[in-house]
Protein backbone atom coordinates (compact mmCIF):
# COMPACT_ATOMS: atom_id res chain seq x y z
CA MET A 1 28.06 -45.30 -18.25
CA ILE A 2 30.82 -43.19 -19.38
CA PHE A 3 32.87 -46.04 -20.50
CA ILE A 4 30.14 -47.29 -22.84
CA LEU A 5 29.87 -43.91 -24.41
CA LYS A 6 33.54 -43.62 -24.86
CA VAL A 7 33.69 -47.01 -26.55
CA LEU A 8 30.79 -46.12 -28.80
CA ILE A 9 32.60 -42.92 -29.86
CA ASP A 10 35.81 -44.69 -30.57
CA ALA A 11 34.06 -47.19 -32.54
CA ALA A 12 32.54 -44.28 -34.83
CA LEU A 13 36.06 -42.99 -35.01
CA LEU A 14 37.34 -46.26 -36.10
CA LEU A 15 34.72 -46.48 -38.78
CA ILE A 16 35.40 -42.84 -39.96
CA LEU A 17 39.30 -43.52 -40.13
CA ALA A 18 38.51 -46.70 -41.93
CA ALA A 19 36.73 -44.79 -44.41
CA ILE A 20 39.37 -42.28 -44.82
CA LEU A 21 42.74 -44.13 -44.49
CA PRO A 22 43.51 -46.83 -47.05
CA GLY A 23 45.47 -48.80 -44.35
CA ILE A 24 42.46 -49.49 -41.91
CA SER A 25 39.57 -51.66 -42.84
CA ILE A 26 36.55 -52.52 -40.57
CA LYS A 27 33.57 -54.87 -41.47
CA ASN A 28 30.83 -53.01 -39.81
CA TYR A 29 30.06 -50.96 -36.61
CA GLY A 30 29.34 -53.97 -34.60
CA ASN A 31 33.04 -55.21 -35.22
CA ALA A 32 34.33 -51.81 -34.38
CA VAL A 33 32.37 -51.67 -30.94
CA PHE A 34 33.74 -55.37 -30.34
CA VAL A 35 37.26 -54.16 -31.40
CA MET A 36 37.10 -51.16 -29.09
CA VAL A 37 35.89 -53.28 -26.01
CA VAL A 38 38.70 -55.62 -26.43
CA LEU A 39 41.42 -52.82 -27.13
CA ALA A 40 40.10 -51.09 -23.94
CA ILE A 41 40.46 -54.15 -21.95
CA LEU A 42 44.03 -55.09 -23.46
CA ASN A 43 45.05 -51.36 -22.80
CA ALA A 44 43.96 -51.63 -19.14
CA THR A 45 45.86 -54.83 -18.59
CA VAL A 46 48.57 -55.50 -20.75
CA GLY A 47 48.98 -51.73 -21.92
CA PHE A 48 49.53 -50.81 -18.10
CA LEU A 49 52.22 -53.44 -17.79
CA LEU A 50 53.92 -51.96 -21.00
CA ARG A 51 53.56 -48.30 -19.82
CA LEU A 52 54.56 -48.58 -16.36
CA PRO A 53 58.43 -49.03 -17.07
CA LEU A 54 58.65 -46.84 -19.92
CA ASN A 55 57.06 -44.02 -17.65
CA LEU A 56 59.55 -44.71 -14.90
CA ILE A 57 62.42 -44.45 -17.49
CA THR A 58 61.05 -41.22 -18.64
CA LEU A 59 60.07 -39.90 -15.33
CA GLY A 60 56.38 -39.40 -16.72
CA LEU A 61 57.59 -36.55 -18.58
CA LEU A 62 56.66 -38.26 -21.93
CA SER A 63 53.53 -40.08 -20.79
CA PHE A 64 51.29 -39.10 -23.67
CA PHE A 65 53.83 -40.27 -26.27
CA VAL A 66 54.31 -43.65 -24.36
CA ARG A 67 50.58 -44.06 -24.29
CA ILE A 68 50.48 -43.73 -28.16
CA PHE A 69 53.43 -46.09 -28.71
CA VAL A 70 51.96 -48.69 -26.54
CA SER A 71 48.37 -48.22 -28.07
CA THR A 72 49.98 -48.56 -31.54
CA ILE A 73 51.40 -51.95 -30.59
CA LEU A 74 48.12 -53.17 -28.95
CA ILE A 75 46.11 -51.98 -32.15
CA LYS A 76 48.49 -54.22 -34.27
CA PHE A 77 48.00 -57.02 -31.71
CA ALA A 78 44.18 -56.61 -31.70
CA ALA A 79 43.97 -56.42 -35.80
CA ASN A 80 45.49 -59.97 -35.45
CA LEU A 81 42.66 -61.16 -33.18
CA PHE A 82 39.69 -60.02 -35.35
CA LYS A 83 38.92 -61.54 -38.97
CA GLY A 84 36.86 -58.09 -39.81
CA PHE A 85 39.45 -55.72 -38.73
CA THR A 86 42.90 -55.34 -40.59
CA ILE A 87 45.51 -52.70 -40.28
CA ARG A 88 48.11 -52.47 -42.95
CA GLY A 89 51.33 -50.80 -41.62
CA TRP A 90 52.43 -49.17 -38.42
CA ALA A 91 51.57 -45.69 -39.81
CA ALA A 92 47.67 -46.41 -40.03
CA ALA A 93 48.11 -47.90 -36.39
CA PHE A 94 50.08 -44.83 -35.27
CA ILE A 95 47.22 -42.47 -36.74
CA LEU A 96 44.54 -44.49 -35.14
CA ALA A 97 46.15 -44.62 -31.84
CA PHE A 98 46.92 -40.99 -31.97
CA ALA A 99 43.26 -40.22 -32.81
CA ILE A 100 41.86 -42.21 -29.88
CA ALA A 101 44.36 -40.59 -27.65
CA VAL A 102 43.16 -37.17 -28.74
CA THR A 103 39.27 -38.13 -28.74
CA GLY A 104 39.91 -39.69 -25.36
CA MET A 105 41.43 -36.37 -23.85
CA ALA A 106 38.63 -34.35 -25.38
CA LEU A 107 36.05 -36.79 -23.77
CA ASP A 108 37.78 -36.52 -20.56
CA TYR A 109 37.75 -32.77 -20.71
CA LEU A 110 34.06 -32.51 -21.76
CA LEU A 111 32.43 -35.17 -19.52
């Protein structure tokens, strides 16, 4: 239940950032939810495999920044998978990854 709530809130965040930032565009809320579900699956599988060696190298001291870095890469990858979701530039992907990370931390604290 909490996973579904986080996905719905992250999809709303994606829509808000798409309206604010010129580098992000999404077709509708349904696409945003689907993008966030796929991004969550990618983050749990591929993201873990990318984060593990980076966290070992930094001894876990920079894990928040490693998570944002890997999420930025996965967001750019997810943008290539969907026709109704585009990210123009790495800065927009980084801002989206940072916003998702901060929102996730806040939701973990509140829930």
